[in-house]
Amino acid sequence: MLVCACSAPASAAPVQTARGVLLDVEAPSIQKVDSFTLRTDDGQEMHFVTAPNFNAGISHLMTPGHMRQHMALADPVEVTYRDDSGTLVALTAIDVSQ
């Protein structure tokens, strides 16, 4: 007897954006960001892990050094992310004008 349990694929979490300043950047190398913390314009702190394809297709990549420069100067960034069951997964982080 063959039993098959089939279910509809889980829908992908909606993509959201947040704008603010970086408080922390965790990077194992000069090319890869593992995670970072953002303080949003309304004061909320959000911790992100980066997606495997973080910043794919973005012309001005946010390297760990670039992100740390933003952190030091309190220059804002905009993060596009999804919430995967309580884990915030950053898809992109880009420069924004103040």
N, C-alpha and C. Protein backbone atom coordinates (compact mmCIF):
# COMPACT_ATOMS: atom_id res chain seq x y z
N MET A 1 0.85 -1.16 0.00
CA MET A 1 0.00 0.00 0.00
C MET A 1 0.90 1.24 0.00
N LEU A 2 0.58 2.16 -0.81
CA LEU A 2 1.33 3.41 -0.91
C LEU A 2 0.48 4.53 -0.33
N VAL A 3 1.08 5.26 0.59
CA VAL A 3 0.37 6.39 1.19
C VAL A 3 1.14 7.65 0.85
N CYS A 4 0.45 8.64 0.37
CA CYS A 4 1.09 9.90 -0.01
C CYS A 4 0.37 11.05 0.67
N ALA A 5 1.11 11.78 1.44
CA ALA A 5 0.53 12.98 2.07
C ALA A 5 1.05 14.18 1.31
N CYS A 6 0.15 14.84 0.65
CA CYS A 6 0.53 15.98 -0.15
C CYS A 6 -0.08 17.23 0.45
N SER A 7 0.69 18.29 0.42
CA SER A 7 0.16 19.56 0.91
C SER A 7 0.61 20.66 -0.03
N ALA A 8 -0.13 21.70 0.00
CA ALA A 8 0.23 22.85 -0.84
C ALA A 8 1.52 23.45 -0.30
N PRO A 9 2.38 23.94 -1.17
CA PRO A 9 3.62 24.55 -0.69
C PRO A 9 3.30 25.77 0.16
N ALA A 10 4.10 25.92 1.19
CA ALA A 10 3.91 27.08 2.07
C ALA A 10 4.15 28.35 1.26
N SER A 11 3.31 29.30 1.45
CA SER A 11 3.50 30.56 0.71
C SER A 11 4.70 31.30 1.29
N ALA A 12 5.41 31.94 0.43
CA ALA A 12 6.58 32.69 0.85
C ALA A 12 6.14 33.88 1.70
N ALA A 13 6.95 34.18 2.69
CA ALA A 13 6.66 35.33 3.54
C ALA A 13 6.73 36.60 2.70
N PRO A 14 5.85 37.56 2.97
CA PRO A 14 5.88 38.79 2.18
C PRO A 14 7.18 39.57 2.43
N VAL A 15 7.61 40.25 1.40
CA VAL A 15 8.82 41.07 1.49
C VAL A 15 8.45 42.42 2.11
N GLN A 16 9.27 42.86 3.05
CA GLN A 16 9.05 44.12 3.76
C GLN A 16 10.31 44.96 3.68
N THR A 17 10.22 46.22 4.06
CA THR A 17 11.41 47.08 4.12
C THR A 17 11.46 47.78 5.47
N ALA A 18 12.68 48.10 5.87
CA ALA A 18 12.93 48.87 7.09
C ALA A 18 14.06 49.84 6.80
N ARG A 19 13.97 51.04 7.35
CA ARG A 19 15.00 52.06 7.15
C ARG A 19 15.53 52.48 8.50
N GLY A 20 16.85 52.66 8.59
CA GLY A 20 17.44 53.09 9.84
C GLY A 20 18.95 53.09 9.78
N VAL A 21 19.57 53.05 10.96
CA VAL A 21 21.03 53.06 11.06
C VAL A 21 21.51 51.72 11.62
N LEU A 22 22.68 51.32 11.18
CA LEU A 22 23.26 50.06 11.62
C LEU A 22 23.89 50.21 13.00
N LEU A 23 23.65 49.23 13.86
CA LEU A 23 24.24 49.22 15.19
C LEU A 23 25.35 48.19 15.32
N ASP A 24 25.27 47.12 14.51
CA ASP A 24 26.24 46.04 14.59
C ASP A 24 26.27 45.31 13.26
N VAL A 25 27.46 44.85 12.88
CA VAL A 25 27.63 44.06 11.66
C VAL A 25 28.52 42.88 12.02
N GLU A 26 28.05 41.65 11.76
CA GLU A 26 28.83 40.45 12.01
C GLU A 26 29.22 39.85 10.67
N ALA A 27 30.55 39.74 10.46
CA ALA A 27 31.05 39.27 9.17
C ALA A 27 32.27 38.38 9.38
N PRO A 28 32.26 37.18 8.80
CA PRO A 28 33.41 36.28 8.94
C PRO A 28 34.57 36.63 8.01
N SER A 29 34.31 37.50 7.03
CA SER A 29 35.36 37.85 6.07
C SER A 29 35.08 39.26 5.52
N ILE A 30 35.96 39.74 4.66
CA ILE A 30 35.76 41.07 4.09
C ILE A 30 34.71 41.08 2.99
N GLN A 31 34.24 39.90 2.59
CA GLN A 31 33.26 39.82 1.51
C GLN A 31 31.87 39.36 1.93
N LYS A 32 31.73 38.77 3.12
CA LYS A 32 30.47 38.15 3.49
C LYS A 32 29.94 38.70 4.81
N VAL A 33 28.68 39.12 4.79
CA VAL A 33 27.99 39.56 6.00
C VAL A 33 27.11 38.40 6.46
N ASP A 34 27.24 38.02 7.74
CA ASP A 34 26.39 36.97 8.30
C ASP A 34 25.11 37.53 8.89
N SER A 35 25.24 38.64 9.63
CA SER A 35 24.08 39.23 10.29
C SER A 35 24.39 40.68 10.65
N PHE A 36 23.33 41.42 10.97
CA PHE A 36 23.51 42.81 11.40
C PHE A 36 22.27 43.26 12.17
N THR A 37 22.45 44.35 12.92
CA THR A 37 21.36 44.92 13.70
C THR A 37 21.11 46.33 13.21
N LEU A 38 19.84 46.65 13.04
CA LEU A 38 19.40 47.95 12.54
C LEU A 38 18.51 48.61 13.58
N ARG A 39 18.72 49.90 13.83
CA ARG A 39 17.76 50.69 14.62
C ARG A 39 16.95 51.49 13.63
N THR A 40 15.67 51.21 13.59
CA THR A 40 14.80 51.86 12.62
C THR A 40 14.58 53.32 12.98
N ASP A 41 14.04 54.07 12.03
CA ASP A 41 13.76 55.49 12.25
C ASP A 41 12.84 55.72 13.44
N ASP A 42 11.99 54.73 13.77
CA ASP A 42 11.10 54.89 14.92
C ASP A 42 11.67 54.28 16.20
N GLY A 43 12.97 53.87 16.18
CA GLY A 43 13.65 53.42 17.39
C GLY A 43 13.62 51.94 17.66
N GLN A 44 13.00 51.16 16.82
CA GLN A 44 12.94 49.71 17.00
C GLN A 44 14.27 49.09 16.58
N GLU A 45 14.77 48.12 17.37
CA GLU A 45 15.98 47.39 16.99
C GLU A 45 15.57 46.08 16.33
N MET A 46 16.15 45.83 15.17
CA MET A 46 15.84 44.62 14.40
C MET A 46 17.14 43.90 14.07
N HIS A 47 17.19 42.60 14.38
CA HIS A 47 18.38 41.80 14.07
C HIS A 47 18.07 40.95 12.84
N PHE A 48 18.95 41.01 11.85
CA PHE A 48 18.78 40.29 10.59
C PHE A 48 19.89 39.28 10.40
N VAL A 49 19.54 38.14 9.82
CA VAL A 49 20.54 37.23 9.25
C VAL A 49 20.44 37.44 7.74
N THR A 50 21.53 37.24 7.06
CA THR A 50 21.51 37.48 5.61
C THR A 50 21.11 36.23 4.86
N ALA A 51 20.34 36.43 3.80
CA ALA A 51 19.97 35.34 2.90
C ALA A 51 21.21 34.87 2.17
N PRO A 52 21.23 33.62 1.71
CA PRO A 52 22.39 33.13 0.95
C PRO A 52 22.71 34.00 -0.25
N ASN A 53 21.72 34.61 -0.85
CA ASN A 53 21.93 35.48 -2.02
C ASN A 53 21.81 36.96 -1.64
N PHE A 54 22.22 37.31 -0.42
CA PHE A 54 22.15 38.69 0.06
C PHE A 54 22.76 39.66 -0.94
N ASN A 55 21.98 40.66 -1.31
CA ASN A 55 22.38 41.73 -2.24
C ASN A 55 22.62 41.25 -3.67
N ALA A 56 22.10 40.09 -4.03
CA ALA A 56 22.23 39.62 -5.41
C ALA A 56 21.52 40.60 -6.34
N GLY A 57 22.20 40.99 -7.39
CA GLY A 57 21.60 41.89 -8.37
C GLY A 57 21.69 43.36 -8.02
N ILE A 58 22.31 43.69 -6.90
CA ILE A 58 22.48 45.09 -6.50
C ILE A 58 23.81 45.58 -7.06
N SER A 59 23.80 46.73 -7.72
CA SER A 59 25.03 47.22 -8.37
C SER A 59 26.07 47.73 -7.36
N HIS A 60 25.63 48.34 -6.28
CA HIS A 60 26.57 48.84 -5.26
C HIS A 60 26.45 47.96 -4.03
N LEU A 61 27.30 46.94 -4.00
CA LEU A 61 27.22 45.96 -2.92
C LEU A 61 27.58 46.57 -1.57
N MET A 62 26.86 46.13 -0.56
CA MET A 62 27.14 46.53 0.82
C MET A 62 28.07 45.48 1.42
N THR A 63 29.37 45.69 1.27
CA THR A 63 30.34 44.80 1.87
C THR A 63 30.36 45.05 3.38
N PRO A 64 30.97 44.16 4.16
CA PRO A 64 31.08 44.41 5.59
C PRO A 64 31.74 45.76 5.90
N GLY A 65 32.79 46.11 5.15
CA GLY A 65 33.46 47.39 5.38
C GLY A 65 32.55 48.57 5.09
N HIS A 66 31.80 48.48 4.01
CA HIS A 66 30.86 49.55 3.65
C HIS A 66 29.78 49.68 4.72
N MET A 67 29.28 48.54 5.19
CA MET A 67 28.26 48.57 6.24
C MET A 67 28.81 49.16 7.53
N ARG A 68 30.06 48.84 7.87
CA ARG A 68 30.67 49.40 9.08
C ARG A 68 30.89 50.90 8.94
N GLN A 69 31.18 51.36 7.73
CA GLN A 69 31.31 52.79 7.50
C GLN A 69 29.96 53.47 7.76
N HIS A 70 28.89 52.90 7.26
CA HIS A 70 27.55 53.42 7.53
C HIS A 70 27.28 53.45 9.03
N MET A 71 27.70 52.40 9.72
CA MET A 71 27.49 52.32 11.16
C MET A 71 28.25 53.43 11.87
N ALA A 72 29.51 53.64 11.51
CA ALA A 72 30.34 54.66 12.16
C ALA A 72 29.81 56.07 11.92
N LEU A 73 29.28 56.32 10.73
CA LEU A 73 28.81 57.66 10.37
C LEU A 73 27.32 57.86 10.61
N ALA A 74 26.64 56.80 11.06
CA ALA A 74 25.19 56.82 11.27
C ALA A 74 24.45 57.20 9.99
N ASP A 75 25.00 56.76 8.85
CA ASP A 75 24.33 56.96 7.56
C ASP A 75 23.24 55.90 7.42
N PRO A 76 22.04 56.28 7.03
CA PRO A 76 20.94 55.31 6.96
C PRO A 76 21.06 54.32 5.81
N VAL A 77 20.45 53.18 6.03
CA VAL A 77 20.33 52.16 5.00
C VAL A 77 18.87 51.70 4.95
N GLU A 78 18.52 51.09 3.85
CA GLU A 78 17.19 50.48 3.73
C GLU A 78 17.37 49.00 3.51
N VAL A 79 16.70 48.21 4.32
CA VAL A 79 16.82 46.76 4.26
C VAL A 79 15.51 46.18 3.72
N THR A 80 15.64 45.32 2.75
CA THR A 80 14.50 44.54 2.26
C THR A 80 14.65 43.17 2.88
N TYR A 81 13.57 42.66 3.49
CA TYR A 81 13.67 41.42 4.23
C TYR A 81 12.34 40.66 4.23
N ARG A 82 12.41 39.44 4.72
CA ARG A 82 11.22 38.65 4.97
C ARG A 82 11.32 38.06 6.37
N ASP A 83 10.18 37.81 6.97
CA ASP A 83 10.11 37.21 8.30
C ASP A 83 9.84 35.72 8.13
N ASP A 84 10.84 34.90 8.42
CA ASP A 84 10.70 33.44 8.33
C ASP A 84 10.48 32.88 9.72
N SER A 85 9.23 32.82 10.14
CA SER A 85 8.87 32.27 11.45
C SER A 85 9.63 32.94 12.59
N GLY A 86 9.72 34.25 12.56
CA GLY A 86 10.38 35.00 13.62
C GLY A 86 11.83 35.35 13.36
N THR A 87 12.44 34.76 12.33
CA THR A 87 13.81 35.10 11.93
C THR A 87 13.72 36.10 10.79
N LEU A 88 14.32 37.26 10.98
CA LEU A 88 14.32 38.29 9.93
C LEU A 88 15.47 38.01 8.98
N VAL A 89 15.15 37.74 7.73
CA VAL A 89 16.15 37.37 6.71
C VAL A 89 16.32 38.54 5.75
N ALA A 90 17.50 39.16 5.78
CA ALA A 90 17.80 40.31 4.91
C ALA A 90 18.08 39.83 3.50
N LEU A 91 17.36 40.41 2.55
CA LEU A 91 17.57 40.11 1.13
C LEU A 91 18.52 41.12 0.51
N THR A 92 18.35 42.40 0.87
CA THR A 92 19.23 43.48 0.39
C THR A 92 19.38 44.54 1.47
N ALA A 93 20.46 45.28 1.36
CA ALA A 93 20.67 46.49 2.17
C ALA A 93 21.29 47.52 1.23
N ILE A 94 20.69 48.69 1.14
CA ILE A 94 21.16 49.69 0.22
C ILE A 94 21.30 51.05 0.89
N ASP A 95 22.13 51.92 0.29
CA ASP A 95 22.28 53.29 0.75
C ASP A 95 20.97 54.04 0.52
N VAL A 96 20.65 54.94 1.42
CA VAL A 96 19.51 55.85 1.21
C VAL A 96 19.93 57.25 1.57
N SER A 97 19.30 58.22 0.94
CA SER A 97 19.58 59.61 1.28
C SER A 97 18.79 59.99 2.51
N GLN A 98 19.33 60.91 3.24
CA GLN A 98 18.64 61.36 4.46
C GLN A 98 17.57 62.34 4.14
